[in-house]
Amino acid sequence: QVRLRESGGGLVQVGDSLRLSCIVSGSLLSTDGLAWFRQTPGKEGEFVAGLVWGGDHEFYADSVKGRFTISGDTARNTVYLHMSNLEPEDTAIYSCAMARSIASYQRRDFDYWGRGAQVTVSA
């Protein structure tokens, strides 16, 4: 059984940086996809960033390009989301998700989800 556990959320101020971590228990294959999504009350969940575990490309939502970086540590089975120059609009619950043999970064294509970590950016 695959489990994902996020950590690193918190309360920060505008312009600050924060790093989220997602530890994946269970095996990861080179064709698996890992991604971060975020959710705010009353809004549909939004794709933030993703990568293919055995690949060398990352994908980002336009709203975070140039500010967020997703990376993976194969030795630790951990995926990170480095967030910089944070804005109040980045306030959300950030969830890590995994897809077996990823086909796209649509929410419906992800098989496993973490519980999420709250990130609050104060103006």
C-alpha atoms as a PDB file:
ATOM      1  CA  GLN A   1       0.000   0.000   0.000  1.00  0.00           C
ATOM      2  CA  VAL A   2       1.350   3.394  -0.983  1.00  0.00           C
ATOM      3  CA  ARG A   3       1.126   6.211   1.528  1.00  0.00           C
ATOM      4  CA  LEU A   4       2.084   9.854   1.127  1.00  0.00           C
ATOM      5  CA  ARG A   5       2.778  12.172   4.023  1.00  0.00           C
ATOM      6  CA  GLU A   6       3.323  15.904   3.660  1.00  0.00           C
ATOM      7  CA  SER A   7       5.192  18.175   6.034  1.00  0.00           C
ATOM      8  CA  GLY A   8       6.586  21.676   6.101  1.00  0.00           C
ATOM      9  CA  GLY A   9       3.477  23.820   5.951  1.00  0.00           C
ATOM     10  CA  GLY A  10       3.020  26.876   8.108  1.00  0.00           C
ATOM     11  CA  LEU A  11       2.321  30.566   8.412  1.00  0.00           C
ATOM     12  CA  VAL A  12       4.643  32.897   6.521  1.00  0.00           C
ATOM     13  CA  GLN A  13       4.642  36.483   5.308  1.00  0.00           C
ATOM     14  CA  VAL A  14       4.472  37.866   1.793  1.00  0.00           C
ATOM     15  CA  GLY A  15       7.760  37.376   0.000  1.00  0.00           C
ATOM     16  CA  ASP A  16       8.920  34.547   2.262  1.00  0.00           C
ATOM     17  CA  SER A  17      10.008  31.091   1.159  1.00  0.00           C
ATOM     18  CA  LEU A  18       8.865  27.676   2.341  1.00  0.00           C
ATOM     19  CA  ARG A  19       9.666  24.081   1.471  1.00  0.00           C
ATOM     20  CA  LEU A  20       7.095  21.302   1.539  1.00  0.00           C
ATOM     21  CA  SER A  21       8.142  17.665   1.711  1.00  0.00           C
ATOM     22  CA  CYS A  22       6.221  14.551   0.753  1.00  0.00           C
ATOM     23  CA  ILE A  23       7.551  11.179   1.856  1.00  0.00           C
ATOM     24  CA  VAL A  24       6.289   8.263  -0.212  1.00  0.00           C
ATOM     25  CA  SER A  25       6.136   4.871   1.462  1.00  0.00           C
ATOM     26  CA  GLY A  26       6.096   2.058  -1.048  1.00  0.00           C
ATOM     27  CA  SER A  27       7.928   1.524  -4.287  1.00  0.00           C
ATOM     28  CA  LEU A  28       8.242   4.207  -6.913  1.00  0.00           C
ATOM     29  CA  LEU A  29       8.772   3.353 -10.558  1.00  0.00           C
ATOM     30  CA  SER A  30      10.382   5.475 -13.218  1.00  0.00           C
ATOM     31  CA  THR A  31       7.016   5.919 -14.944  1.00  0.00           C
ATOM     32  CA  ASP A  32       5.218   7.125 -11.827  1.00  0.00           C
ATOM     33  CA  GLY A  33       4.179  10.728 -11.577  1.00  0.00           C
ATOM     34  CA  LEU A  34       4.409  12.870  -8.465  1.00  0.00           C
ATOM     35  CA  ALA A  35       2.629  16.181  -8.177  1.00  0.00           C
ATOM     36  CA  TRP A  36       1.482  18.882  -5.838  1.00  0.00           C
ATOM     37  CA  PHE A  37      -2.070  20.212  -5.908  1.00  0.00           C
ATOM     38  CA  ARG A  38      -3.613  22.920  -3.788  1.00  0.00           C
ATOM     39  CA  GLN A  39      -7.114  23.553  -2.558  1.00  0.00           C
ATOM     40  CA  THR A  40      -8.823  26.609  -1.134  1.00  0.00           C
ATOM     41  CA  PRO A  41     -12.388  26.731   0.246  1.00  0.00           C
ATOM     42  CA  GLY A  42     -14.987  27.129  -2.461  1.00  0.00           C
ATOM     43  CA  LYS A  43     -12.553  26.490  -5.296  1.00  0.00           C
ATOM     44  CA  GLU A  44     -11.683  23.449  -7.331  1.00  0.00           C
ATOM     45  CA  GLY A  45      -8.350  21.812  -6.582  1.00  0.00           C
ATOM     46  CA  GLU A  46      -5.538  23.265  -8.679  1.00  0.00           C
ATOM     47  CA  PHE A  47      -2.506  21.554 -10.146  1.00  0.00           C
ATOM     48  CA  VAL A  48       0.663  23.283  -8.959  1.00  0.00           C
ATOM     49  CA  ALA A  49       3.671  21.284 -10.113  1.00  0.00           C
ATOM     50  CA  GLY A  50       4.592  17.770 -11.194  1.00  0.00           C
ATOM     51  CA  LEU A  51       7.324  15.497 -12.395  1.00  0.00           C
ATOM     52  CA  VAL A  52       7.873  11.981 -13.648  1.00  0.00           C
ATOM     53  CA  TRP A  53       9.945  10.053 -11.144  1.00  0.00           C
ATOM     54  CA  GLY A  54      12.385   8.714 -13.735  1.00  0.00           C
ATOM     55  CA  GLY A  55      12.332  11.801 -15.925  1.00  0.00           C
ATOM     56  CA  ASP A  56      14.171  15.085 -16.092  1.00  0.00           C
ATOM     57  CA  HIS A  57      11.338  17.513 -16.775  1.00  0.00           C
ATOM     58  CA  GLU A  58       9.115  19.363 -14.396  1.00  0.00           C
ATOM     59  CA  PHE A  59       5.751  20.943 -15.109  1.00  0.00           C
ATOM     60  CA  TYR A  60       4.220  23.976 -13.470  1.00  0.00           C
ATOM     61  CA  ALA A  61       1.010  25.932 -13.345  1.00  0.00           C
ATOM     62  CA  ASP A  62       1.413  29.370 -14.878  1.00  0.00           C
ATOM     63  CA  SER A  63       0.582  30.963 -11.533  1.00  0.00           C
ATOM     64  CA  VAL A  64       3.706  29.531  -9.876  1.00  0.00           C
ATOM     65  CA  LYS A  65       6.241  29.433 -12.704  1.00  0.00           C
ATOM     66  CA  GLY A  66       9.469  31.098 -11.705  1.00  0.00           C
ATOM     67  CA  ARG A  67       8.562  30.997  -8.001  1.00  0.00           C
ATOM     68  CA  PHE A  68       8.041  27.299  -7.210  1.00  0.00           C
ATOM     69  CA  THR A  69      10.325  24.364  -7.903  1.00  0.00           C
ATOM     70  CA  ILE A  70       9.455  20.681  -7.621  1.00  0.00           C
ATOM     71  CA  SER A  71      12.225  18.158  -7.070  1.00  0.00           C
ATOM     72  CA  GLY A  72      12.650  14.550  -6.066  1.00  0.00           C
ATOM     73  CA  ASP A  73      15.147  12.683  -3.902  1.00  0.00           C
ATOM     74  CA  THR A  74      15.283   9.057  -4.999  1.00  0.00           C
ATOM     75  CA  ALA A  75      17.362   7.994  -2.002  1.00  0.00           C
ATOM     76  CA  ARG A  76      14.702   9.284   0.385  1.00  0.00           C
ATOM     77  CA  ASN A  77      11.624   8.568  -1.771  1.00  0.00           C
ATOM     78  CA  THR A  78      10.697  12.162  -1.152  1.00  0.00           C
ATOM     79  CA  VAL A  79       9.372  14.903  -3.388  1.00  0.00           C
ATOM     80  CA  TYR A  80       9.760  18.547  -2.456  1.00  0.00           C
ATOM     81  CA  LEU A  81       8.046  21.766  -3.363  1.00  0.00           C
ATOM     82  CA  HIS A  82      10.277  24.777  -2.903  1.00  0.00           C
ATOM     83  CA  MET A  83       8.146  27.913  -2.798  1.00  0.00           C
ATOM     84  CA  SER A  84       9.606  31.393  -2.945  1.00  0.00           C
ATOM     85  CA  ASN A  85       8.277  34.923  -3.175  1.00  0.00           C
ATOM     86  CA  LEU A  86       5.018  33.728  -1.651  1.00  0.00           C
ATOM     87  CA  GLU A  87       1.844  35.715  -2.157  1.00  0.00           C
ATOM     88  CA  PRO A  88      -1.460  35.743  -0.243  1.00  0.00           C
ATOM     89  CA  GLU A  89      -3.030  33.977  -3.245  1.00  0.00           C
ATOM     90  CA  ASP A  90      -0.785  30.985  -2.514  1.00  0.00           C
ATOM     91  CA  THR A  91      -2.654  30.333   0.741  1.00  0.00           C
ATOM     92  CA  ALA A  92      -4.125  26.842   0.452  1.00  0.00           C
ATOM     93  CA  ILE A  93      -3.933  23.253   1.571  1.00  0.00           C
ATOM     94  CA  TYR A  94      -1.175  21.642  -0.470  1.00  0.00           C
ATOM     95  CA  SER A  95      -1.495  17.940  -1.193  1.00  0.00           C
ATOM     96  CA  CYS A  96       0.985  15.531  -2.646  1.00  0.00           C
ATOM     97  CA  ALA A  97      -0.293  12.956  -5.129  1.00  0.00           C
ATOM     98  CA  MET A  98       1.092   9.969  -7.020  1.00  0.00           C
ATOM     99  CA  ALA A  99       0.007   8.387 -10.281  1.00  0.00           C
ATOM    100  CA  ARG A 100       1.073   4.982 -11.538  1.00  0.00           C
ATOM    101  CA  SER A 101       2.230   5.229 -15.140  1.00  0.00           C
ATOM    102  CA  ILE A 102       1.221   8.835 -15.332  1.00  0.00           C
ATOM    103  CA  ALA A 103      -0.696   9.950 -18.417  1.00  0.00           C
ATOM    104  CA  SER A 104      -1.543  13.539 -17.503  1.00  0.00           C
ATOM    105  CA  TYR A 105      -1.624  15.908 -14.550  1.00  0.00           C
ATOM    106  CA  GLN A 106      -5.389  15.856 -14.218  1.00  0.00           C
ATOM    107  CA  ARG A 107      -6.579  15.152 -10.676  1.00  0.00           C
ATOM    108  CA  ARG A 108      -8.541  12.118 -11.852  1.00  0.00           C
ATOM    109  CA  ASP A 109      -5.329  10.453 -13.056  1.00  0.00           C
ATOM    110  CA  PHE A 110      -3.767  10.326  -9.599  1.00  0.00           C
ATOM    111  CA  ASP A 111      -4.158   7.177  -7.547  1.00  0.00           C
ATOM    112  CA  TYR A 112      -2.785   8.109  -4.135  1.00  0.00           C
ATOM    113  CA  TRP A 113      -3.065  11.273  -2.080  1.00  0.00           C
ATOM    114  CA  GLY A 114      -1.638  12.663   1.103  1.00  0.00           C
ATOM    115  CA  ARG A 115      -3.741  14.445   3.703  1.00  0.00           C
ATOM    116  CA  GLY A 116      -2.335  17.844   2.885  1.00  0.00           C
ATOM    117  CA  ALA A 117      -0.393  20.609   4.576  1.00  0.00           C
ATOM    118  CA  GLN A 118      -1.735  24.086   5.261  1.00  0.00           C
ATOM    119  CA  VAL A 119       0.217  27.020   3.881  1.00  0.00           C
ATOM    120  CA  THR A 120      -0.916  30.469   4.941  1.00  0.00           C
ATOM    121  CA  VAL A 121       0.662  33.611   3.526  1.00  0.00           C
ATOM    122  CA  SER A 122      -0.022  36.715   5.564  1.00  0.00           C
ATOM    123  CA  ALA A 123      -0.062  40.128   3.876  1.00  0.00           C
END
